[in-house]
Amino acid sequence: MTTLYMVRSNPVDGREFEFNRWYEEVHVPEVLQIEGFESAQRFELTSAQVQEQNHQYLAIYAINSEDVEGTLNNLRKMRSFNMSDSIDMQSVQISIFSALGEEKSA
């Protein structure tokens, strides 16, 4: 079953271009090098919301591993990440969800 690693974040004020460039060109490729991380996709908040939101961006990483804890430990151990100061680290929220069943489609 797939596990989703979801990161909600915001750029530092005035540094949105740099933030998006770093995320797409540096950070996502680095995370996808870690065994167990299968894919990544980023999203931007739209104006069509049902309640106020605190985050402008969402990154969803799919983990396909029998050892999710091990995959997450490998992520935590990554010392070579090229973090950017364009990300507002105070705003970052991470959630990890496990699938409850198979994906369904119309």
C-alpha atoms as a PDB file:
ATOM      1  CA  MET A   1       0.000   0.000   0.000  1.00  0.00           C
ATOM      2  CA  THR A   2       1.095   3.540  -0.658  1.00  0.00           C
ATOM      3  CA  THR A   3       1.988   5.941   2.130  1.00  0.00           C
ATOM      4  CA  LEU A   4       1.707   9.668   1.483  1.00  0.00           C
ATOM      5  CA  TYR A   5       4.253  12.076   2.926  1.00  0.00           C
ATOM      6  CA  MET A   6       2.607  15.489   2.696  1.00  0.00           C
ATOM      7  CA  VAL A   7       4.406  18.793   3.289  1.00  0.00           C
ATOM      8  CA  ARG A   8       2.543  22.091   3.587  1.00  0.00           C
ATOM      9  CA  SER A   9       4.736  25.177   3.368  1.00  0.00           C
ATOM     10  CA  ASN A  10       5.114  28.834   2.473  1.00  0.00           C
ATOM     11  CA  PRO A  11       7.929  30.866   0.955  1.00  0.00           C
ATOM     12  CA  VAL A  12       9.616  33.684   2.804  1.00  0.00           C
ATOM     13  CA  ASP A  13       7.891  36.936   1.848  1.00  0.00           C
ATOM     14  CA  GLY A  14       9.126  38.233  -1.491  1.00  0.00           C
ATOM     15  CA  ARG A  15      11.026  35.049  -2.371  1.00  0.00           C
ATOM     16  CA  GLU A  16       8.334  32.942  -4.031  1.00  0.00           C
ATOM     17  CA  PHE A  17      10.195  32.535  -7.342  1.00  0.00           C
ATOM     18  CA  GLU A  18      13.356  31.357  -5.580  1.00  0.00           C
ATOM     19  CA  PHE A  19      11.319  29.037  -3.324  1.00  0.00           C
ATOM     20  CA  ASN A  20       9.556  27.351  -6.264  1.00  0.00           C
ATOM     21  CA  ARG A  21      12.733  27.014  -8.277  1.00  0.00           C
ATOM     22  CA  TRP A  22      14.615  25.450  -5.340  1.00  0.00           C
ATOM     23  CA  TYR A  23      11.727  23.089  -4.534  1.00  0.00           C
ATOM     24  CA  GLU A  24      11.348  21.826  -8.116  1.00  0.00           C
ATOM     25  CA  GLU A  25      14.980  21.773  -9.236  1.00  0.00           C
ATOM     26  CA  VAL A  26      16.804  20.844  -6.018  1.00  0.00           C
ATOM     27  CA  HIS A  27      14.662  19.557  -3.165  1.00  0.00           C
ATOM     28  CA  VAL A  28      12.252  17.195  -4.915  1.00  0.00           C
ATOM     29  CA  PRO A  29      15.066  15.452  -6.851  1.00  0.00           C
ATOM     30  CA  GLU A  30      17.048  15.033  -3.607  1.00  0.00           C
ATOM     31  CA  VAL A  31      14.103  13.440  -1.786  1.00  0.00           C
ATOM     32  CA  LEU A  32      13.381  11.117  -4.709  1.00  0.00           C
ATOM     33  CA  GLN A  33      16.921   9.719  -4.428  1.00  0.00           C
ATOM     34  CA  ILE A  34      15.986   8.169  -1.071  1.00  0.00           C
ATOM     35  CA  GLU A  35      14.988   4.526  -1.383  1.00  0.00           C
ATOM     36  CA  GLY A  36      11.250   4.100  -0.864  1.00  0.00           C
ATOM     37  CA  PHE A  37      10.214   7.485  -2.231  1.00  0.00           C
ATOM     38  CA  GLU A  38       8.451   6.695  -5.481  1.00  0.00           C
ATOM     39  CA  SER A  39       7.052   9.995  -6.779  1.00  0.00           C
ATOM     40  CA  ALA A  40       6.374  13.620  -5.923  1.00  0.00           C
ATOM     41  CA  GLN A  41       3.932  16.268  -7.020  1.00  0.00           C
ATOM     42  CA  ARG A  42       3.518  19.862  -5.869  1.00  0.00           C
ATOM     43  CA  PHE A  43       0.353  21.919  -5.644  1.00  0.00           C
ATOM     44  CA  GLU A  44      -0.472  25.593  -5.177  1.00  0.00           C
ATOM     45  CA  LEU A  45      -3.493  26.759  -3.187  1.00  0.00           C
ATOM     46  CA  THR A  46      -6.352  27.989  -5.340  1.00  0.00           C
ATOM     47  CA  SER A  47      -8.854  30.724  -4.553  1.00  0.00           C
ATOM     48  CA  ALA A  48     -11.672  28.121  -4.339  1.00  0.00           C
ATOM     49  CA  GLN A  49     -11.508  27.292  -0.620  1.00  0.00           C
ATOM     50  CA  VAL A  50     -14.213  26.319   1.890  1.00  0.00           C
ATOM     51  CA  GLN A  51     -12.242  27.711   4.844  1.00  0.00           C
ATOM     52  CA  GLU A  52      -9.197  29.887   5.494  1.00  0.00           C
ATOM     53  CA  GLN A  53      -5.871  28.206   4.786  1.00  0.00           C
ATOM     54  CA  ASN A  54      -2.448  28.839   6.313  1.00  0.00           C
ATOM     55  CA  HIS A  55      -0.295  27.290   3.600  1.00  0.00           C
ATOM     56  CA  GLN A  56       0.147  28.306  -0.006  1.00  0.00           C
ATOM     57  CA  TYR A  57       1.931  25.147  -1.184  1.00  0.00           C
ATOM     58  CA  LEU A  58       1.567  21.398  -0.781  1.00  0.00           C
ATOM     59  CA  ALA A  59       4.055  18.710  -1.800  1.00  0.00           C
ATOM     60  CA  ILE A  60       2.863  15.100  -1.845  1.00  0.00           C
ATOM     61  CA  TYR A  61       5.436  12.333  -1.947  1.00  0.00           C
ATOM     62  CA  ALA A  62       4.370   8.718  -2.470  1.00  0.00           C
ATOM     63  CA  ILE A  63       6.299   6.159  -0.461  1.00  0.00           C
ATOM     64  CA  ASN A  64       6.141   2.586  -1.711  1.00  0.00           C
ATOM     65  CA  SER A  65       7.996   0.528   0.864  1.00  0.00           C
ATOM     66  CA  GLU A  66       7.388  -2.319   3.273  1.00  0.00           C
ATOM     67  CA  ASP A  67       9.565  -0.371   5.729  1.00  0.00           C
ATOM     68  CA  VAL A  68       8.050   3.116   5.882  1.00  0.00           C
ATOM     69  CA  GLU A  69       9.798   3.854   9.193  1.00  0.00           C
ATOM     70  CA  GLY A  70      13.126   2.947   7.617  1.00  0.00           C
ATOM     71  CA  THR A  71      12.416   5.192   4.628  1.00  0.00           C
ATOM     72  CA  LEU A  72      11.541   8.080   6.961  1.00  0.00           C
ATOM     73  CA  ASN A  73      14.689   7.438   9.010  1.00  0.00           C
ATOM     74  CA  ASN A  74      16.742   7.626   5.809  1.00  0.00           C
ATOM     75  CA  LEU A  75      15.053  10.953   5.045  1.00  0.00           C
ATOM     76  CA  ARG A  76      15.897  12.289   8.516  1.00  0.00           C
ATOM     77  CA  LYS A  77      19.533  11.174   8.135  1.00  0.00           C
ATOM     78  CA  MET A  78      20.046  13.098   4.889  1.00  0.00           C
ATOM     79  CA  ARG A  79      22.696  15.618   5.828  1.00  0.00           C
ATOM     80  CA  SER A  80      23.428  16.589   2.252  1.00  0.00           C
ATOM     81  CA  PHE A  81      20.092  18.313   1.587  1.00  0.00           C
ATOM     82  CA  ASN A  82      20.598  21.685  -0.022  1.00  0.00           C
ATOM     83  CA  MET A  83      18.028  23.572   2.030  1.00  0.00           C
ATOM     84  CA  SER A  84      17.093  27.061   0.910  1.00  0.00           C
ATOM     85  CA  ASP A  85      16.480  30.001   3.167  1.00  0.00           C
ATOM     86  CA  SER A  86      13.601  30.942   0.841  1.00  0.00           C
ATOM     87  CA  ILE A  87      11.337  28.437   2.638  1.00  0.00           C
ATOM     88  CA  ASP A  88       9.618  29.697   5.780  1.00  0.00           C
ATOM     89  CA  MET A  89      10.586  26.830   8.084  1.00  0.00           C
ATOM     90  CA  GLN A  90       8.221  28.105  10.791  1.00  0.00           C
ATOM     91  CA  SER A  91       5.265  27.408   8.478  1.00  0.00           C
ATOM     92  CA  VAL A  92       6.188  23.829   7.506  1.00  0.00           C
ATOM     93  CA  GLN A  93       3.711  21.113   8.485  1.00  0.00           C
ATOM     94  CA  ILE A  94       4.300  17.453   7.654  1.00  0.00           C
ATOM     95  CA  SER A  95       1.654  14.720   7.688  1.00  0.00           C
ATOM     96  CA  ILE A  96       2.054  11.033   6.880  1.00  0.00           C
ATOM     97  CA  PHE A  97      -0.969   9.029   5.765  1.00  0.00           C
ATOM     98  CA  SER A  98      -1.308   5.292   5.069  1.00  0.00           C
ATOM     99  CA  ALA A  99      -3.805   4.042   2.508  1.00  0.00           C
ATOM    100  CA  LEU A 100      -6.878   2.332   3.926  1.00  0.00           C
ATOM    101  CA  GLY A 101      -7.666   0.418   0.784  1.00  0.00           C
ATOM    102  CA  GLU A 102      -7.027   0.324  -2.925  1.00  0.00           C
ATOM    103  CA  GLU A 103      -7.404   3.469  -5.017  1.00  0.00           C
ATOM    104  CA  LYS A 104     -10.759   3.722  -6.747  1.00  0.00           C
ATOM    105  CA  SER A 105     -11.553   5.582  -9.931  1.00  0.00           C
ATOM    106  CA  ALA A 106     -14.678   6.537 -11.857  1.00  0.00           C
END
